[in-house]
Amino acid sequence: MRQRTPIGKQQAIKLAVEAVRDSGRDPSHYNITAEDAGTEWSISFEGKPPRPPGDELFVYVSKESGKTRLMLGE
């Protein structure tokens, strides 16, 4: 059985952008940063100024499966 190649940073960002878009938000309104968080990528979307409090999103992307989890900022 062939082992799957882990999801890389650029692919994780693409998947996170899709998740944000699927949630009804426009990814172009956010500054995007990605951090390696062990078994997943942590992609943050911080609203561009001027922005209301809590205008941030976090998308966690599994390196193994590419599955995404969207978390809203508060």
C-alpha atoms as a PDB file:
ATOM      1  CA  MET A   1       0.000   0.000   0.000  1.00  0.00           C
ATOM      2  CA  ARG A   2       1.370   3.388  -1.016  1.00  0.00           C
ATOM      3  CA  GLN A   3       1.692   5.928   1.762  1.00  0.00           C
ATOM      4  CA  ARG A   4      -0.008   9.270   1.209  1.00  0.00           C
ATOM      5  CA  THR A   5       2.198  12.365   0.960  1.00  0.00           C
ATOM      6  CA  PRO A   6       1.462  14.777   3.827  1.00  0.00           C
ATOM      7  CA  ILE A   7      -0.371  17.995   2.986  1.00  0.00           C
ATOM      8  CA  GLY A   8       2.165  20.813   2.517  1.00  0.00           C
ATOM      9  CA  LYS A   9       1.838  24.444   3.571  1.00  0.00           C
ATOM     10  CA  GLN A  10       0.645  25.830   0.222  1.00  0.00           C
ATOM     11  CA  GLN A  11      -1.957  23.074  -0.219  1.00  0.00           C
ATOM     12  CA  ALA A  12      -3.144  23.650   3.356  1.00  0.00           C
ATOM     13  CA  ILE A  13      -3.632  27.349   2.619  1.00  0.00           C
ATOM     14  CA  LYS A  14      -5.648  26.501  -0.514  1.00  0.00           C
ATOM     15  CA  LEU A  15      -7.858  24.116   1.471  1.00  0.00           C
ATOM     16  CA  ALA A  16      -8.316  26.721   4.224  1.00  0.00           C
ATOM     17  CA  VAL A  17      -9.289  29.407   1.689  1.00  0.00           C
ATOM     18  CA  GLU A  18     -11.901  27.007   0.261  1.00  0.00           C
ATOM     19  CA  ALA A  19     -13.277  26.369   3.766  1.00  0.00           C
ATOM     20  CA  VAL A  20     -13.570  30.103   4.446  1.00  0.00           C
ATOM     21  CA  ARG A  21     -15.254  30.666   1.079  1.00  0.00           C
ATOM     22  CA  ASP A  22     -17.640  27.751   1.763  1.00  0.00           C
ATOM     23  CA  SER A  23     -18.612  29.454   5.051  1.00  0.00           C
ATOM     24  CA  GLY A  24     -19.873  32.454   3.056  1.00  0.00           C
ATOM     25  CA  ARG A  25     -16.930  34.749   3.738  1.00  0.00           C
ATOM     26  CA  ASP A  26     -14.575  36.431   1.269  1.00  0.00           C
ATOM     27  CA  PRO A  27     -10.967  35.308   1.920  1.00  0.00           C
ATOM     28  CA  SER A  28      -9.624  38.448   0.198  1.00  0.00           C
ATOM     29  CA  HIS A  29     -10.829  40.488   3.198  1.00  0.00           C
ATOM     30  CA  TYR A  30      -8.305  38.738   5.454  1.00  0.00           C
ATOM     31  CA  ASN A  31      -4.558  38.610   6.025  1.00  0.00           C
ATOM     32  CA  ILE A  32      -3.583  34.931   5.986  1.00  0.00           C
ATOM     33  CA  THR A  33      -0.795  33.262   7.951  1.00  0.00           C
ATOM     34  CA  ALA A  34       0.055  29.575   8.303  1.00  0.00           C
ATOM     35  CA  GLU A  35       1.875  27.785  11.106  1.00  0.00           C
ATOM     36  CA  ASP A  36       2.990  24.199  11.501  1.00  0.00           C
ATOM     37  CA  ALA A  37       1.086  22.759  14.470  1.00  0.00           C
ATOM     38  CA  GLY A  38       2.409  19.199  14.537  1.00  0.00           C
ATOM     39  CA  THR A  39      -0.093  16.885  12.857  1.00  0.00           C
ATOM     40  CA  GLU A  40      -1.989  19.783  11.310  1.00  0.00           C
ATOM     41  CA  TRP A  41      -1.575  23.250   9.839  1.00  0.00           C
ATOM     42  CA  SER A  42      -3.039  26.230  11.693  1.00  0.00           C
ATOM     43  CA  ILE A  43      -4.164  28.846   9.186  1.00  0.00           C
ATOM     44  CA  SER A  44      -5.310  32.182  10.593  1.00  0.00           C
ATOM     45  CA  PHE A  45      -7.410  34.742   8.770  1.00  0.00           C
ATOM     46  CA  GLU A  46      -7.233  38.176  10.406  1.00  0.00           C
ATOM     47  CA  GLY A  47      -9.599  40.846   9.070  1.00  0.00           C
ATOM     48  CA  LYS A  48      -7.895  43.673   7.216  1.00  0.00           C
ATOM     49  CA  PRO A  49      -8.217  47.124   8.844  1.00  0.00           C
ATOM     50  CA  PRO A  50     -10.498  48.665   9.704  1.00  0.00           C
ATOM     51  CA  ARG A  51     -11.961  45.571  11.285  1.00  0.00           C
ATOM     52  CA  PRO A  52     -14.513  44.976  14.012  1.00  0.00           C
ATOM     53  CA  PRO A  53     -13.460  43.088  17.156  1.00  0.00           C
ATOM     54  CA  GLY A  54     -13.402  39.338  16.638  1.00  0.00           C
ATOM     55  CA  ASP A  55     -13.013  39.549  12.866  1.00  0.00           C
ATOM     56  CA  GLU A  56     -10.723  36.556  12.664  1.00  0.00           C
ATOM     57  CA  LEU A  57     -11.034  32.942  11.663  1.00  0.00           C
ATOM     58  CA  PHE A  58      -8.883  29.894  12.195  1.00  0.00           C
ATOM     59  CA  VAL A  59      -8.811  26.862   9.950  1.00  0.00           C
ATOM     60  CA  TYR A  60      -7.018  23.710  11.045  1.00  0.00           C
ATOM     61  CA  VAL A  61      -5.961  21.406   8.219  1.00  0.00           C
ATOM     62  CA  SER A  62      -4.959  17.798   8.881  1.00  0.00           C
ATOM     63  CA  LYS A  63      -1.580  17.035   7.295  1.00  0.00           C
ATOM     64  CA  GLU A  64      -2.636  13.421   6.789  1.00  0.00           C
ATOM     65  CA  SER A  65      -6.155  13.753   5.372  1.00  0.00           C
ATOM     66  CA  GLY A  66      -6.546  17.390   4.322  1.00  0.00           C
ATOM     67  CA  LYS A  67      -9.706  17.602   6.453  1.00  0.00           C
ATOM     68  CA  THR A  68     -10.474  21.153   7.622  1.00  0.00           C
ATOM     69  CA  ARG A  69     -12.000  22.562  10.828  1.00  0.00           C
ATOM     70  CA  LEU A  70     -13.172  26.191  10.840  1.00  0.00           C
ATOM     71  CA  MET A  71     -13.199  28.117  14.118  1.00  0.00           C
ATOM     72  CA  LEU A  72     -14.630  31.624  14.422  1.00  0.00           C
ATOM     73  CA  GLY A  73     -12.817  34.331  16.395  1.00  0.00           C
ATOM     74  CA  GLU A  74     -14.507  36.071  19.297  1.00  0.00           C
END
